[in-house]
Amino acid sequence: MLQQKIVIKVSMHSEKCRTKALKIAAATDGVVSVALHCPGKDKLMIVGDGVDAVCLTSSLRKQLCHASLETVEEVKDKKAEEKKDAGKKDEEKKDPKFISSPIICCMPPQHQPEFFTVVTDPHPSPCTIL
């Protein structure tokens, strides 16, 4: 996947709010780096692979009140582009006999068994509506 840079404006009034916002963003799946952006330190700059920007913004909004999505853009590395160009040239020279596709395996979540015990009352009440 391509890396993307997300900028989210969050109302952070204290250092505690900034720390909480950084923790929420860092705990999101696919996040590579989180940093405070702008002189007022009211914007979060998040870089990651396959990060759901809308979901991240809504979770920040739920836990810190006001958050708005500013920009989402792809991060392009010059080195990666050069490697891709070199890789394409090498692939054109080679004649592959077969093409392999990646195998994706998803394991179902493991659930813990739940145990229940039935307790009977030795002295039941005469009222049956409870």
N, C-alpha and C. Protein backbone atom coordinates (compact mmCIF):
# COMPACT_ATOMS: atom_id res chain seq x y z
N MET A 1 0.83 -1.18 0.00
CA MET A 1 0.00 0.00 0.00
C MET A 1 0.87 1.24 0.00
N LEU A 2 0.29 2.30 -0.42
CA LEU A 2 0.99 3.57 -0.44
C LEU A 2 0.86 4.25 0.92
N GLN A 3 1.94 4.89 1.31
CA GLN A 3 1.87 5.66 2.54
C GLN A 3 1.11 6.94 2.30
N GLN A 4 0.41 7.40 3.31
CA GLN A 4 -0.34 8.63 3.18
C GLN A 4 -0.07 9.53 4.37
N LYS A 5 -0.13 10.82 4.11
CA LYS A 5 0.07 11.82 5.15
C LYS A 5 -1.28 12.47 5.43
N ILE A 6 -1.70 12.42 6.70
CA ILE A 6 -3.00 12.94 7.11
C ILE A 6 -2.76 14.08 8.09
N VAL A 7 -3.44 15.20 7.89
CA VAL A 7 -3.36 16.33 8.81
C VAL A 7 -4.75 16.54 9.39
N ILE A 8 -4.84 16.47 10.73
CA ILE A 8 -6.11 16.63 11.44
C ILE A 8 -5.98 17.78 12.43
N LYS A 9 -6.92 18.72 12.37
CA LYS A 9 -6.91 19.82 13.32
C LYS A 9 -7.73 19.41 14.53
N VAL A 10 -7.11 19.47 15.71
CA VAL A 10 -7.76 19.05 16.95
C VAL A 10 -7.65 20.19 17.95
N SER A 11 -8.75 20.47 18.66
CA SER A 11 -8.68 21.51 19.69
C SER A 11 -8.03 20.92 20.94
N MET A 12 -6.79 21.33 21.18
CA MET A 12 -6.01 20.83 22.32
C MET A 12 -5.62 22.02 23.18
N HIS A 13 -6.19 22.09 24.37
CA HIS A 13 -5.98 23.24 25.22
C HIS A 13 -4.82 23.07 26.19
N SER A 14 -4.47 21.84 26.50
CA SER A 14 -3.41 21.61 27.48
C SER A 14 -2.47 20.51 27.00
N GLU A 15 -1.41 20.32 27.75
CA GLU A 15 -0.43 19.28 27.42
C GLU A 15 -1.06 17.89 27.56
N LYS A 16 -1.98 17.77 28.51
CA LYS A 16 -2.66 16.49 28.72
C LYS A 16 -3.49 16.12 27.48
N CYS A 17 -4.17 17.10 26.90
CA CYS A 17 -4.96 16.85 25.69
C CYS A 17 -4.06 16.47 24.52
N ARG A 18 -2.91 17.13 24.41
CA ARG A 18 -1.96 16.80 23.33
C ARG A 18 -1.47 15.37 23.47
N THR A 19 -1.12 14.99 24.70
CA THR A 19 -0.63 13.63 24.94
C THR A 19 -1.71 12.60 24.61
N LYS A 20 -2.93 12.88 25.01
CA LYS A 20 -4.04 11.96 24.74
C LYS A 20 -4.28 11.83 23.23
N ALA A 21 -4.23 12.93 22.52
CA ALA A 21 -4.42 12.90 21.06
C ALA A 21 -3.31 12.10 20.38
N LEU A 22 -2.08 12.29 20.82
CA LEU A 22 -0.96 11.54 20.25
C LEU A 22 -1.11 10.05 20.52
N LYS A 23 -1.57 9.68 21.71
CA LYS A 23 -1.75 8.26 22.05
C LYS A 23 -2.85 7.64 21.21
N ILE A 24 -3.94 8.36 21.02
CA ILE A 24 -5.06 7.84 20.21
C ILE A 24 -4.60 7.61 18.77
N ALA A 25 -3.88 8.58 18.22
CA ALA A 25 -3.41 8.47 16.83
C ALA A 25 -2.37 7.36 16.68
N ALA A 26 -1.49 7.22 17.67
CA ALA A 26 -0.44 6.20 17.58
C ALA A 26 -1.00 4.79 17.73
N ALA A 27 -2.13 4.65 18.42
CA ALA A 27 -2.72 3.33 18.63
C ALA A 27 -3.52 2.84 17.43
N THR A 28 -3.76 3.69 16.45
CA THR A 28 -4.52 3.31 15.27
C THR A 28 -3.71 2.38 14.38
N ASP A 29 -4.39 1.40 13.78
CA ASP A 29 -3.70 0.42 12.92
C ASP A 29 -3.12 1.09 11.68
N GLY A 30 -1.87 0.76 11.36
CA GLY A 30 -1.22 1.25 10.15
C GLY A 30 -0.44 2.54 10.32
N VAL A 31 -0.47 3.15 11.50
CA VAL A 31 0.22 4.43 11.71
C VAL A 31 1.71 4.17 11.87
N VAL A 32 2.52 4.93 11.11
CA VAL A 32 3.98 4.82 11.18
C VAL A 32 4.55 5.91 12.09
N SER A 33 4.08 7.15 11.93
CA SER A 33 4.58 8.24 12.76
C SER A 33 3.47 9.26 13.02
N VAL A 34 3.58 9.91 14.19
CA VAL A 34 2.63 10.94 14.60
C VAL A 34 3.44 12.13 15.09
N ALA A 35 3.07 13.34 14.68
CA ALA A 35 3.79 14.53 15.12
C ALA A 35 2.81 15.69 15.23
N LEU A 36 3.16 16.65 16.09
CA LEU A 36 2.39 17.88 16.19
C LEU A 36 2.85 18.82 15.09
N HIS A 37 1.92 19.49 14.46
CA HIS A 37 2.19 20.31 13.29
C HIS A 37 1.70 21.73 13.56
N CYS A 38 2.33 22.72 13.05
CA CYS A 38 1.99 24.15 13.20
C CYS A 38 2.55 24.73 14.50
N PRO A 39 2.76 26.02 14.51
CA PRO A 39 3.29 26.68 15.71
C PRO A 39 2.37 26.58 16.92
N GLY A 40 1.06 26.59 16.70
CA GLY A 40 0.13 26.51 17.81
C GLY A 40 -0.03 25.10 18.35
N LYS A 41 0.59 24.11 17.72
CA LYS A 41 0.51 22.70 18.08
C LYS A 41 -0.93 22.23 18.18
N ASP A 42 -1.75 22.67 17.23
CA ASP A 42 -3.14 22.26 17.23
C ASP A 42 -3.48 21.32 16.07
N LYS A 43 -2.47 20.88 15.33
CA LYS A 43 -2.68 19.96 14.22
C LYS A 43 -1.81 18.73 14.40
N LEU A 44 -2.38 17.58 14.10
CA LEU A 44 -1.65 16.32 14.13
C LEU A 44 -1.28 15.93 12.71
N MET A 45 -0.03 15.55 12.49
CA MET A 45 0.40 15.05 11.20
C MET A 45 0.69 13.57 11.37
N ILE A 46 -0.07 12.72 10.69
CA ILE A 46 0.02 11.28 10.82
C ILE A 46 0.46 10.71 9.50
N VAL A 47 1.47 9.84 9.52
CA VAL A 47 1.95 9.15 8.33
C VAL A 47 1.75 7.67 8.57
N GLY A 48 1.15 6.98 7.59
CA GLY A 48 0.94 5.55 7.76
C GLY A 48 0.47 4.85 6.51
N ASP A 49 0.37 3.53 6.61
CA ASP A 49 -0.09 2.68 5.52
C ASP A 49 -1.53 2.25 5.79
N GLY A 50 -2.43 2.57 4.89
CA GLY A 50 -3.80 2.12 5.00
C GLY A 50 -4.54 2.63 6.22
N VAL A 51 -4.26 3.84 6.64
CA VAL A 51 -4.93 4.42 7.80
C VAL A 51 -6.28 4.98 7.34
N ASP A 52 -7.33 4.65 8.07
CA ASP A 52 -8.65 5.19 7.77
C ASP A 52 -8.76 6.56 8.41
N ALA A 53 -8.64 7.61 7.61
CA ALA A 53 -8.60 8.98 8.12
C ALA A 53 -9.92 9.39 8.76
N VAL A 54 -11.03 8.96 8.19
CA VAL A 54 -12.34 9.32 8.73
C VAL A 54 -12.56 8.66 10.09
N CYS A 55 -12.19 7.40 10.20
CA CYS A 55 -12.35 6.68 11.46
C CYS A 55 -11.46 7.29 12.54
N LEU A 56 -10.23 7.65 12.19
CA LEU A 56 -9.31 8.28 13.14
C LEU A 56 -9.85 9.64 13.59
N THR A 57 -10.38 10.42 12.66
CA THR A 57 -10.94 11.72 13.01
C THR A 57 -12.15 11.58 13.94
N SER A 58 -13.00 10.62 13.65
CA SER A 58 -14.18 10.43 14.50
C SER A 58 -13.81 9.94 15.89
N SER A 59 -12.79 9.08 16.01
CA SER A 59 -12.38 8.64 17.34
C SER A 59 -11.74 9.79 18.13
N LEU A 60 -11.00 10.66 17.45
CA LEU A 60 -10.46 11.85 18.13
C LEU A 60 -11.59 12.78 18.54
N ARG A 61 -12.61 12.89 17.70
CA ARG A 61 -13.75 13.75 18.00
C ARG A 61 -14.53 13.22 19.21
N LYS A 62 -14.67 11.90 19.30
CA LYS A 62 -15.40 11.30 20.42
C LYS A 62 -14.67 11.51 21.74
N GLN A 63 -13.34 11.41 21.72
CA GLN A 63 -12.60 11.45 22.97
C GLN A 63 -12.06 12.83 23.32
N LEU A 64 -11.95 13.74 22.35
CA LEU A 64 -11.38 15.05 22.64
C LEU A 64 -12.28 16.22 22.21
N CYS A 65 -13.48 15.98 21.86
CA CYS A 65 -14.45 16.99 21.42
C CYS A 65 -14.26 17.36 19.95
N HIS A 66 -13.59 18.47 19.64
CA HIS A 66 -13.56 18.97 18.26
C HIS A 66 -12.33 18.47 17.50
N ALA A 67 -12.56 17.86 16.34
CA ALA A 67 -11.48 17.43 15.44
C ALA A 67 -12.00 17.52 14.01
N SER A 68 -11.17 18.06 13.12
CA SER A 68 -11.59 18.15 11.72
C SER A 68 -10.45 17.71 10.81
N LEU A 69 -10.81 16.97 9.79
CA LEU A 69 -9.85 16.44 8.82
C LEU A 69 -9.47 17.55 7.86
N GLU A 70 -8.16 17.86 7.79
CA GLU A 70 -7.68 18.95 6.92
C GLU A 70 -7.25 18.41 5.56
N THR A 71 -6.23 17.54 5.53
CA THR A 71 -5.73 17.03 4.26
C THR A 71 -5.37 15.55 4.36
N VAL A 72 -5.48 14.87 3.24
CA VAL A 72 -5.01 13.49 3.08
C VAL A 72 -4.28 13.45 1.76
N GLU A 73 -3.00 13.11 1.78
CA GLU A 73 -2.23 13.05 0.54
C GLU A 73 -1.24 11.90 0.60
N GLU A 74 -0.84 11.43 -0.58
CA GLU A 74 0.11 10.34 -0.67
C GLU A 74 1.52 10.85 -0.45
N VAL A 75 2.33 10.02 0.23
CA VAL A 75 3.73 10.35 0.45
C VAL A 75 4.52 9.61 -0.63
N LYS A 76 5.27 10.36 -1.42
CA LYS A 76 6.06 9.76 -2.48
C LYS A 76 7.54 9.88 -2.13
N ASP A 77 8.22 8.75 -2.12
CA ASP A 77 9.66 8.74 -1.86
C ASP A 77 10.40 8.71 -3.19
N LYS A 78 11.43 9.53 -3.29
CA LYS A 78 12.22 9.56 -4.53
C LYS A 78 12.97 8.25 -4.71
N LYS A 79 13.46 7.71 -3.60
CA LYS A 79 14.21 6.45 -3.68
C LYS A 79 13.29 5.32 -4.14
N ALA A 80 12.07 5.30 -3.64
CA ALA A 80 11.13 4.24 -4.01
C ALA A 80 10.78 4.33 -5.50
N GLU A 81 10.63 5.54 -6.01
CA GLU A 81 10.32 5.70 -7.42
C GLU A 81 11.47 5.24 -8.30
N GLU A 82 12.70 5.53 -7.87
CA GLU A 82 13.87 5.09 -8.63
C GLU A 82 13.96 3.57 -8.63
N LYS A 83 13.65 2.96 -7.49
CA LYS A 83 13.70 1.50 -7.41
C LYS A 83 12.64 0.88 -8.30
N LYS A 84 11.45 1.51 -8.35
CA LYS A 84 10.39 0.98 -9.20
C LYS A 84 10.78 1.05 -10.66
N ASP A 85 11.40 2.17 -11.07
CA ASP A 85 11.84 2.30 -12.46
C ASP A 85 12.90 1.26 -12.79
N ALA A 86 13.83 1.04 -11.87
CA ALA A 86 14.88 0.04 -12.10
C ALA A 86 14.27 -1.36 -12.12
N GLY A 87 13.27 -1.59 -11.25
CA GLY A 87 12.61 -2.89 -11.19
C GLY A 87 11.83 -3.19 -12.46
N LYS A 88 11.22 -2.19 -13.05
CA LYS A 88 10.47 -2.38 -14.28
C LYS A 88 11.40 -2.75 -15.42
N LYS A 89 12.57 -2.13 -15.46
CA LYS A 89 13.54 -2.45 -16.51
C LYS A 89 14.03 -3.88 -16.37
N ASP A 90 14.26 -4.32 -15.11
CA ASP A 90 14.71 -5.69 -14.88
C ASP A 90 13.63 -6.70 -15.25
N GLU A 91 12.37 -6.37 -14.97
CA GLU A 91 11.28 -7.28 -15.29
C GLU A 91 11.09 -7.41 -16.79
N GLU A 92 11.34 -6.34 -17.52
CA GLU A 92 11.19 -6.40 -18.97
C GLU A 92 12.26 -7.31 -19.57
N LYS A 93 13.43 -7.34 -18.96
CA LYS A 93 14.51 -8.17 -19.48
C LYS A 93 14.24 -9.64 -19.19
N LYS A 94 13.71 -9.94 -18.02
CA LYS A 94 13.45 -11.33 -17.63
C LYS A 94 12.11 -11.78 -18.19
N ASP A 95 12.05 -13.06 -18.55
CA ASP A 95 10.80 -13.63 -19.03
C ASP A 95 10.34 -14.63 -17.98
N PRO A 96 9.39 -14.25 -17.11
CA PRO A 96 8.97 -15.17 -16.06
C PRO A 96 8.15 -16.32 -16.64
N LYS A 97 8.36 -17.53 -16.11
CA LYS A 97 7.64 -18.71 -16.58
C LYS A 97 6.27 -18.79 -15.92
N PHE A 98 6.16 -18.27 -14.69
CA PHE A 98 4.87 -18.25 -14.02
C PHE A 98 4.80 -17.00 -13.15
N ILE A 99 3.60 -16.60 -12.91
CA ILE A 99 3.37 -15.42 -12.08
C ILE A 99 2.73 -15.90 -10.78
N SER A 100 3.36 -15.57 -9.68
CA SER A 100 2.81 -15.98 -8.40
C SER A 100 1.99 -14.84 -7.79
N SER A 101 0.91 -15.19 -7.19
CA SER A 101 0.07 -14.18 -6.53
C SER A 101 0.22 -14.34 -5.02
N PRO A 102 0.11 -13.27 -4.28
CA PRO A 102 0.25 -13.38 -2.83
C PRO A 102 -0.93 -14.15 -2.24
N ILE A 103 -0.63 -14.90 -1.19
CA ILE A 103 -1.65 -15.68 -0.49
C ILE A 103 -2.05 -14.92 0.76
N ILE A 104 -3.33 -14.64 0.87
CA ILE A 104 -3.83 -13.91 2.03
C ILE A 104 -4.62 -14.89 2.87
N CYS A 105 -4.24 -15.00 4.12
CA CYS A 105 -4.89 -15.94 5.03
C CYS A 105 -5.40 -15.16 6.24
N CYS A 106 -6.67 -15.27 6.48
CA CYS A 106 -7.26 -14.60 7.64
C CYS A 106 -7.77 -15.65 8.62
N MET A 107 -7.28 -15.58 9.82
CA MET A 107 -7.71 -16.50 10.86
C MET A 107 -8.92 -15.91 11.57
N PRO A 108 -9.92 -16.72 11.86
CA PRO A 108 -11.06 -16.20 12.62
C PRO A 108 -10.62 -15.87 14.04
N PRO A 109 -11.27 -14.92 14.67
CA PRO A 109 -10.86 -14.55 16.03
C PRO A 109 -11.14 -15.70 17.00
N GLN A 110 -10.24 -15.88 17.93
CA GLN A 110 -10.37 -16.91 18.95
C GLN A 110 -11.21 -16.36 20.10
N HIS A 111 -12.33 -17.00 20.38
CA HIS A 111 -13.20 -16.54 21.45
C HIS A 111 -12.98 -17.40 22.69
N GLN A 112 -13.00 -16.77 23.82
CA GLN A 112 -12.87 -17.47 25.08
C GLN A 112 -14.22 -18.09 25.42
N PRO A 113 -14.23 -19.34 25.91
CA PRO A 113 -15.51 -19.94 26.27
C PRO A 113 -16.09 -19.25 27.51
N GLU A 114 -17.41 -19.13 27.52
CA GLU A 114 -18.07 -18.52 28.66
C GLU A 114 -18.71 -19.63 29.50
N PHE A 115 -18.55 -19.53 30.80
CA PHE A 115 -19.10 -20.52 31.71
C PHE A 115 -20.18 -19.86 32.55
N PHE A 116 -21.29 -20.56 32.70
CA PHE A 116 -22.40 -20.08 33.51
C PHE A 116 -22.74 -21.13 34.55
N THR A 117 -23.12 -20.69 35.71
CA THR A 117 -23.59 -21.61 36.74
C THR A 117 -25.02 -21.24 37.10
N VAL A 118 -25.83 -22.23 37.28
CA VAL A 118 -27.23 -22.03 37.63
C VAL A 118 -27.37 -22.23 39.13
N VAL A 119 -27.89 -21.22 39.80
CA VAL A 119 -28.09 -21.30 41.23
C VAL A 119 -29.59 -21.37 41.49
N THR A 120 -29.98 -22.40 42.18
CA THR A 120 -31.40 -22.54 42.51
C THR A 120 -31.64 -22.05 43.91
N ASP A 121 -32.77 -21.43 44.10
CA ASP A 121 -33.14 -20.90 45.42
C ASP A 121 -33.77 -22.03 46.23
N PRO A 122 -33.22 -22.34 47.43
CA PRO A 122 -33.80 -23.45 48.20
C PRO A 122 -35.18 -23.10 48.76
N HIS A 123 -35.51 -21.83 48.93
CA HIS A 123 -36.80 -21.41 49.44
C HIS A 123 -37.47 -20.49 48.42
N PRO A 124 -38.15 -21.02 47.43
CA PRO A 124 -38.77 -20.17 46.42
C PRO A 124 -39.93 -19.37 47.01
N SER A 125 -40.13 -18.21 46.48
CA SER A 125 -41.23 -17.36 46.97
C SER A 125 -42.52 -17.78 46.31
N PRO A 126 -43.66 -17.52 46.97
CA PRO A 126 -44.93 -17.93 46.36
C PRO A 126 -45.31 -17.09 45.14
N CYS A 127 -44.71 -15.90 44.99
CA CYS A 127 -45.02 -15.04 43.85
C CYS A 127 -44.24 -15.51 42.63
N THR A 128 -44.93 -15.75 41.54
CA THR A 128 -44.26 -16.24 40.33
C THR A 128 -43.92 -15.13 39.36
N ILE A 129 -44.42 -13.93 39.59
CA ILE A 129 -44.14 -12.81 38.69
C ILE A 129 -42.99 -11.98 39.31
N LEU A 130 -41.82 -12.13 38.80
CA LEU A 130 -40.67 -11.35 39.28
C LEU A 130 -39.88 -10.82 38.16
